[in-house]
C-alpha atoms as a PDB file:
ATOM      1  CA  MET A   1      45.786  74.193 -18.268  1.00  0.00           C
ATOM      2  CA  VAL A   2      45.083  72.162 -15.767  1.00  0.00           C
ATOM      3  CA  GLU A   3      41.504  70.864 -14.773  1.00  0.00           C
ATOM      4  CA  LEU A   4      40.051  68.428 -12.648  1.00  0.00           C
ATOM      5  CA  ALA A   5      36.902  66.592 -12.373  1.00  0.00           C
ATOM      6  CA  GLY A   6      33.694  68.060 -11.213  1.00  0.00           C
ATOM      7  CA  ALA A   7      36.300  71.303 -10.528  1.00  0.00           C
ATOM      8  CA  ALA A   8      35.868  74.758 -11.829  1.00  0.00           C
ATOM      9  CA  PRO A   9      38.687  75.560 -14.380  1.00  0.00           C
ATOM     10  CA  LEU A  10      42.070  76.963 -12.950  1.00  0.00           C
ATOM     11  CA  ALA A  11      43.678  79.385 -14.110  1.00  0.00           C
ATOM     12  CA  ALA A  12      46.987  78.266 -16.608  1.00  0.00           C
ATOM     13  CA  PHE A  13      49.582  76.472 -14.585  1.00  0.00           C
ATOM     14  CA  SER A  14      52.681  74.209 -15.119  1.00  0.00           C
ATOM     15  CA  CYS A  15      51.732  70.863 -13.535  1.00  0.00           C
ATOM     16  CA  THR A  16      54.933  72.292 -10.875  1.00  0.00           C
ATOM     17  CA  GLN A  17      53.652  75.534 -10.546  1.00  0.00           C
ATOM     18  CA  PHE A  18      50.196  73.994  -9.682  1.00  0.00           C
ATOM     19  CA  PHE A  19      50.775  70.791  -7.566  1.00  0.00           C
ATOM     20  CA  HIS A  20      53.347  73.233  -5.310  1.00  0.00           C
ATOM     21  CA  GLU A  21      51.055  76.904  -5.343  1.00  0.00           C
ATOM     22  CA  ARG A  22      47.614  74.578  -5.587  1.00  0.00           C
ATOM     23  CA  ARG A  23      48.464  71.949  -3.060  1.00  0.00           C
ATOM     24  CA  GLN A  24      45.532  72.410  -0.992  1.00  0.00           C
ATOM     25  CA  LEU A  25      43.388  71.907  -3.715  1.00  0.00           C
ATOM     26  CA  LEU A  26      44.727  68.502  -4.194  1.00  0.00           C
ATOM     27  CA  VAL A  27      44.436  67.440  -0.437  1.00  0.00           C
ATOM     28  CA  THR A  28      40.801  65.905   0.648  1.00  0.00           C
ATOM     29  CA  SER A  29      40.036  65.299   4.662  1.00  0.00           C
ATOM     30  CA  PRO A  30      38.189  62.687   5.161  1.00  0.00           C
ATOM     31  CA  GLY A  31      34.153  63.361   6.033  1.00  0.00           C
ATOM     32  CA  ILE A  32      34.547  67.202   4.926  1.00  0.00           C
ATOM     33  CA  PRO A  33      32.805  67.270   1.164  1.00  0.00           C
ATOM     34  CA  ASN A  34      35.192  67.967  -1.958  1.00  0.00           C
ATOM     35  CA  GLU A  35      33.981  67.914  -5.876  1.00  0.00           C
ATOM     36  CA  PHE A  36      36.656  65.435  -7.056  1.00  0.00           C
ATOM     37  CA  SER A  37      35.353  62.325  -8.257  1.00  0.00           C
ATOM     38  CA  LEU A  38      36.752  58.679  -6.553  1.00  0.00           C
ATOM     39  CA  SER A  39      37.010  55.816  -9.330  1.00  0.00           C
ATOM     40  CA  THR A  40      36.095  52.322  -7.742  1.00  0.00           C
ATOM     41  CA  THR A  41      39.141  50.908  -8.846  1.00  0.00           C
ATOM     42  CA  CYS A  42      40.884  52.225  -5.987  1.00  0.00           C
ATOM     43  CA  PHE A  43      39.058  49.656  -4.181  1.00  0.00           C
ATOM     44  CA  GLY A  44      40.381  47.022  -5.841  1.00  0.00           C
ATOM     45  CA  ALA A  45      38.892  43.225  -4.090  1.00  0.00           C
ATOM     46  CA  ARG A  46      37.961  45.205  -1.154  1.00  0.00           C
ATOM     47  CA  LEU A  47      34.606  46.203  -1.609  1.00  0.00           C
ATOM     48  CA  GLY A  48      32.305  43.915  -3.728  1.00  0.00           C
ATOM     49  CA  LYS A  49      29.352  46.321  -3.382  1.00  0.00           C
ATOM     50  CA  LEU A  50      28.904  49.664  -4.679  1.00  0.00           C
ATOM     51  CA  GLU A  51      27.080  50.640  -1.890  1.00  0.00           C
ATOM     52  CA  ASP A  52      29.641  49.714   0.519  1.00  0.00           C
ATOM     53  CA  GLN A  53      31.992  51.854  -1.909  1.00  0.00           C
ATOM     54  CA  ALA A  54      29.249  54.650  -1.538  1.00  0.00           C
ATOM     55  CA  PHE A  55      29.999  54.980   1.998  1.00  0.00           C
ATOM     56  CA  HIS A  56      34.119  54.182   2.014  1.00  0.00           C
ATOM     57  CA  ALA A  57      33.871  57.137  -0.453  1.00  0.00           C
ATOM     58  CA  VAL A  58      31.757  59.676   1.324  1.00  0.00           C
ATOM     59  CA  ALA A  59      33.808  58.775   4.228  1.00  0.00           C
ATOM     60  CA  MET A  60      36.934  60.297   2.249  1.00  0.00           C
ATOM     61  CA  GLY A  61      35.102  62.807   1.769  1.00  0.00           C
ATOM     62  CA  PHE A  62      34.061  61.808  -1.737  1.00  0.00           C
ATOM     63  CA  ARG A  63      30.661  62.652  -2.819  1.00  0.00           C
ATOM     64  CA  LYS A  64      31.223  61.846  -6.884  1.00  0.00           C
ATOM     65  CA  MET A  65      32.451  58.559  -8.023  1.00  0.00           C
ATOM     66  CA  GLU A  66      33.709  56.788 -11.341  1.00  0.00           C
ATOM     67  CA  LEU A  67      32.502  53.329 -11.960  1.00  0.00           C
ATOM     68  CA  GLY A  68      35.975  52.200 -13.452  1.00  0.00           C
ATOM     69  CA  LEU A  69      37.636  48.573 -14.085  1.00  0.00           C
ATOM     70  CA  VAL A  70      38.137  46.357 -11.479  1.00  0.00           C
ATOM     71  CA  ASP A  71      38.999  42.510 -10.991  1.00  0.00           C
ATOM     72  CA  ALA A  72      35.703  42.014 -10.391  1.00  0.00           C
ATOM     73  CA  PRO A  73      32.802  43.979 -11.239  1.00  0.00           C
ATOM     74  CA  PRO A  74      30.344  45.683  -8.284  1.00  0.00           C
ATOM     75  CA  VAL A  75      27.836  44.219  -7.367  1.00  0.00           C
ATOM     76  CA  LEU A  76      24.842  47.029  -7.413  1.00  0.00           C
ATOM     77  CA  ASN A  77      21.902  46.262  -5.443  1.00  0.00           C
ATOM     78  CA  GLY A  78      21.622  48.548  -2.623  1.00  0.00           C
ATOM     79  CA  PHE A  79      22.731  50.980  -4.139  1.00  0.00           C
ATOM     80  CA  GLU A  80      19.911  53.484  -4.568  1.00  0.00           C
ATOM     81  CA  ASP A  81      19.151  53.303  -0.823  1.00  0.00           C
ATOM     82  CA  ALA A  82      23.253  54.302  -0.935  1.00  0.00           C
ATOM     83  CA  ARG A  83      23.082  57.043  -2.973  1.00  0.00           C
ATOM     84  CA  ARG A  84      19.712  58.198  -1.123  1.00  0.00           C
ATOM     85  CA  GLU A  85      21.483  58.373   2.577  1.00  0.00           C
ATOM     86  CA  THR A  86      24.975  59.584   1.093  1.00  0.00           C
ATOM     87  CA  GLY A  87      23.961  61.936  -1.617  1.00  0.00           C
ATOM     88  CA  VAL A  88      27.079  60.178  -3.383  1.00  0.00           C
ATOM     89  CA  GLU A  89      26.567  60.522  -7.408  1.00  0.00           C
ATOM     90  CA  ILE A  90      28.248  58.463 -10.412  1.00  0.00           C
ATOM     91  CA  THR A  91      29.749  60.933 -12.494  1.00  0.00           C
ATOM     92  CA  SER A  92      31.032  58.494 -15.149  1.00  0.00           C
ATOM     93  CA  ILE A  93      31.588  54.930 -15.707  1.00  0.00           C
ATOM     94  CA  VAL A  94      34.083  53.120 -17.251  1.00  0.00           C
ATOM     95  CA  ALA A  95      33.201  50.848 -20.459  1.00  0.00           C
ATOM     96  CA  GLY A  96      34.244  47.454 -19.568  1.00  0.00           C
ATOM     97  CA  CYS A  97      33.125  47.770 -15.813  1.00  0.00           C
ATOM     98  CA  LEU A  98      29.988  45.199 -16.196  1.00  0.00           C
ATOM     99  CA  LYS A  99      33.291  42.173 -16.562  1.00  0.00           C
ATOM    100  CA  PRO A 100      36.500  41.805 -14.676  1.00  0.00           C
ATOM    101  CA  LYS A 101      39.826  43.513 -15.659  1.00  0.00           C
ATOM    102  CA  GLY A 102      41.299  40.284 -17.092  1.00  0.00           C
ATOM    103  CA  GLU A 103      38.507  39.782 -19.840  1.00  0.00           C
ATOM    104  CA  SER A 104      38.968  41.336 -23.175  1.00  0.00           C
ATOM    105  CA  GLY A 105      37.560  44.830 -22.393  1.00  0.00           C
ATOM    106  CA  SER A 106      34.194  45.502 -24.027  1.00  0.00           C
ATOM    107  CA  CYS A 107      36.326  48.519 -26.445  1.00  0.00           C
ATOM    108  CA  ALA A 108      39.850  46.486 -27.607  1.00  0.00           C
ATOM    109  CA  GLN A 109      37.260  44.394 -29.641  1.00  0.00           C
ATOM    110  CA  LEU A 110      35.433  47.602 -31.480  1.00  0.00           C
ATOM    111  CA  SER A 111      38.568  47.760 -34.164  1.00  0.00           C
ATOM    112  CA  SER A 112      38.419  44.234 -34.561  1.00  0.00           C
ATOM    113  CA  CYS A 113      38.513  42.234 -38.151  1.00  0.00           C
ATOM    114  CA  ASN A 114      35.620  39.669 -36.900  1.00  0.00           C
ATOM    115  CA  GLU A 115      32.354  41.762 -37.846  1.00  0.00           C
ATOM    116  CA  ASP A 116      30.701  39.714 -34.636  1.00  0.00           C
ATOM    117  CA  GLU A 117      33.528  40.602 -31.936  1.00  0.00           C
ATOM    118  CA  ARG A 118      32.872  44.009 -33.409  1.00  0.00           C
ATOM    119  CA  GLU A 119      29.189  43.802 -32.613  1.00  0.00           C
ATOM    120  CA  GLN A 120      29.461  42.274 -29.758  1.00  0.00           C
ATOM    121  CA  ALA A 121      31.796  45.299 -28.310  1.00  0.00           C
ATOM    122  CA  VAL A 122      28.778  47.779 -29.804  1.00  0.00           C
ATOM    123  CA  THR A 123      26.162  45.466 -27.610  1.00  0.00           C
ATOM    124  CA  SER A 124      28.433  46.071 -24.670  1.00  0.00           C
ATOM    125  CA  VAL A 125      29.275  49.874 -24.987  1.00  0.00           C
ATOM    126  CA  ARG A 126      25.290  50.139 -25.415  1.00  0.00           C
ATOM    127  CA  ARG A 127      24.973  48.491 -22.300  1.00  0.00           C
ATOM    128  CA  HIS A 128      27.474  50.726 -20.098  1.00  0.00           C
ATOM    129  CA  VAL A 129      25.481  53.681 -21.899  1.00  0.00           C
ATOM    130  CA  GLN A 130      22.318  52.297 -20.988  1.00  0.00           C
ATOM    131  CA  LEU A 131      23.755  51.879 -16.982  1.00  0.00           C
ATOM    132  CA  ALA A 132      25.029  55.581 -16.927  1.00  0.00           C
ATOM    133  CA  GLN A 133      21.320  56.608 -17.624  1.00  0.00           C
ATOM    134  CA  ARG A 134      19.965  54.664 -14.934  1.00  0.00           C
ATOM    135  CA  LEU A 135      22.572  55.923 -12.949  1.00  0.00           C
ATOM    136  CA  GLY A 136      22.596  59.520 -13.793  1.00  0.00           C
ATOM    137  CA  ALA A 137      26.316  59.192 -15.141  1.00  0.00           C
ATOM    138  CA  LYS A 138      26.908  61.642 -17.393  1.00  0.00           C
ATOM    139  CA  VAL A 139      29.607  60.637 -19.403  1.00  0.00           C
ATOM    140  CA  VAL A 140      30.785  56.778 -20.526  1.00  0.00           C
ATOM    141  CA  ILE A 141      34.220  56.414 -21.191  1.00  0.00           C
ATOM    142  CA  ILE A 142      35.506  54.224 -24.128  1.00  0.00           C
ATOM    143  CA  ARG A 143      39.496  53.537 -24.204  1.00  0.00           C
ATOM    144  CA  GLY A 144      41.253  52.915 -27.166  1.00  0.00           C
ATOM    145  CA  SER A 145      41.198  49.617 -29.078  1.00  0.00           C
ATOM    146  CA  GLU A 146      43.806  46.786 -30.034  1.00  0.00           C
ATOM    147  CA  ILE A 147      44.931  46.656 -33.462  1.00  0.00           C
ATOM    148  CA  GLN A 148      43.969  43.357 -34.778  1.00  0.00           C
ATOM    149  CA  ASP A 149      46.553  43.516 -37.480  1.00  0.00           C
ATOM    150  CA  SER A 150      49.582  41.350 -36.891  1.00  0.00           C
ATOM    151  CA  LYS A 151      51.227  42.959 -39.656  1.00  0.00           C
ATOM    152  CA  LEU A 152      50.304  46.677 -38.327  1.00  0.00           C
ATOM    153  CA  ASN A 153      51.592  45.585 -35.093  1.00  0.00           C
ATOM    154  CA  GLN A 154      54.750  44.152 -36.087  1.00  0.00           C
ATOM    155  CA  GLU A 155      54.915  47.432 -37.775  1.00  0.00           C
ATOM    156  CA  ALA A 156      54.450  49.509 -35.094  1.00  0.00           C
ATOM    157  CA  ASP A 157      56.941  48.178 -32.630  1.00  0.00           C
ATOM    158  CA  GLN A 158      59.882  48.042 -35.263  1.00  0.00           C
ATOM    159  CA  LEU A 159      58.829  51.283 -35.437  1.00  0.00           C
ATOM    160  CA  ALA A 160      59.208  51.986 -31.771  1.00  0.00           C
ATOM    161  CA  ALA A 161      62.086  50.764 -31.377  1.00  0.00           C
ATOM    162  CA  ARG A 162      63.752  52.395 -33.959  1.00  0.00           C
ATOM    163  CA  LEU A 163      62.292  55.616 -32.307  1.00  0.00           C
ATOM    164  CA  THR A 164      64.268  54.902 -28.917  1.00  0.00           C
ATOM    165  CA  ARG A 165      67.542  53.673 -31.135  1.00  0.00           C
ATOM    166  CA  GLU A 166      67.953  56.609 -33.375  1.00  0.00           C
ATOM    167  CA  GLU A 167      68.259  60.278 -32.913  1.00  0.00           C
ATOM    168  CA  PRO A 168      65.057  62.114 -33.896  1.00  0.00           C
ATOM    169  CA  SER A 169      65.269  63.527 -37.477  1.00  0.00           C
ATOM    170  CA  ASP A 170      63.889  64.334 -40.422  1.00  0.00           C
ATOM    171  CA  ALA A 171      63.991  61.213 -42.310  1.00  0.00           C
ATOM    172  CA  LEU A 172      62.548  59.260 -38.978  1.00  0.00           C
ATOM    173  CA  ARG A 173      59.945  62.221 -38.504  1.00  0.00           C
ATOM    174  CA  GLU A 174      58.969  61.148 -42.328  1.00  0.00           C
ATOM    175  CA  VAL A 175      58.662  57.299 -41.550  1.00  0.00           C
ATOM    176  CA  VAL A 176      55.852  58.160 -38.228  1.00  0.00           C
ATOM    177  CA  ARG A 177      54.333  60.856 -40.592  1.00  0.00           C
ATOM    178  CA  GLY A 178      53.813  57.892 -43.157  1.00  0.00           C
ATOM    179  CA  PHE A 179      52.692  55.406 -40.742  1.00  0.00           C
ATOM    180  CA  VAL A 180      50.723  57.702 -38.743  1.00  0.00           C
ATOM    181  CA  PRO A 181      48.002  59.536 -40.903  1.00  0.00           C
ATOM    182  CA  VAL A 182      47.621  62.975 -39.235  1.00  0.00           C
END
């Protein structure tokens, strides 16, 4: 089933059917409100203030935004005024959006072998949850973490290479099952 953020669930469609038969749901017209969320990631470095991003999102027909990952985090000053003027709302926040994209993300260290790094990651996620509460966002997106065990990483890389080289077999499936706990 295909569901869109903020939209009511649709009847079950294959992706091909969905895009061909429901094309009108995917198109937005400038200035005409829709129920979709626009990620601030799409603005990149062009707009550095969240209030400017809100005005541009509304001009494109969006009334909902996700605070996403960017090279330079947006300045939050003035957003409350922009929110009152535009009616835009922040629906979700991606953990890590308060740091530049190139820096180690807050979630990447959640699985660190180093206790201090894990604690910093948990603190960072807490800050994002507090920001979500302040902005009224109901969702905080925590993306996967990195495996800190080099031996395990090497074994995973070797298994991935083997999966691309060999035809699927029962023996290979057993090896994968042994590596990935179910």
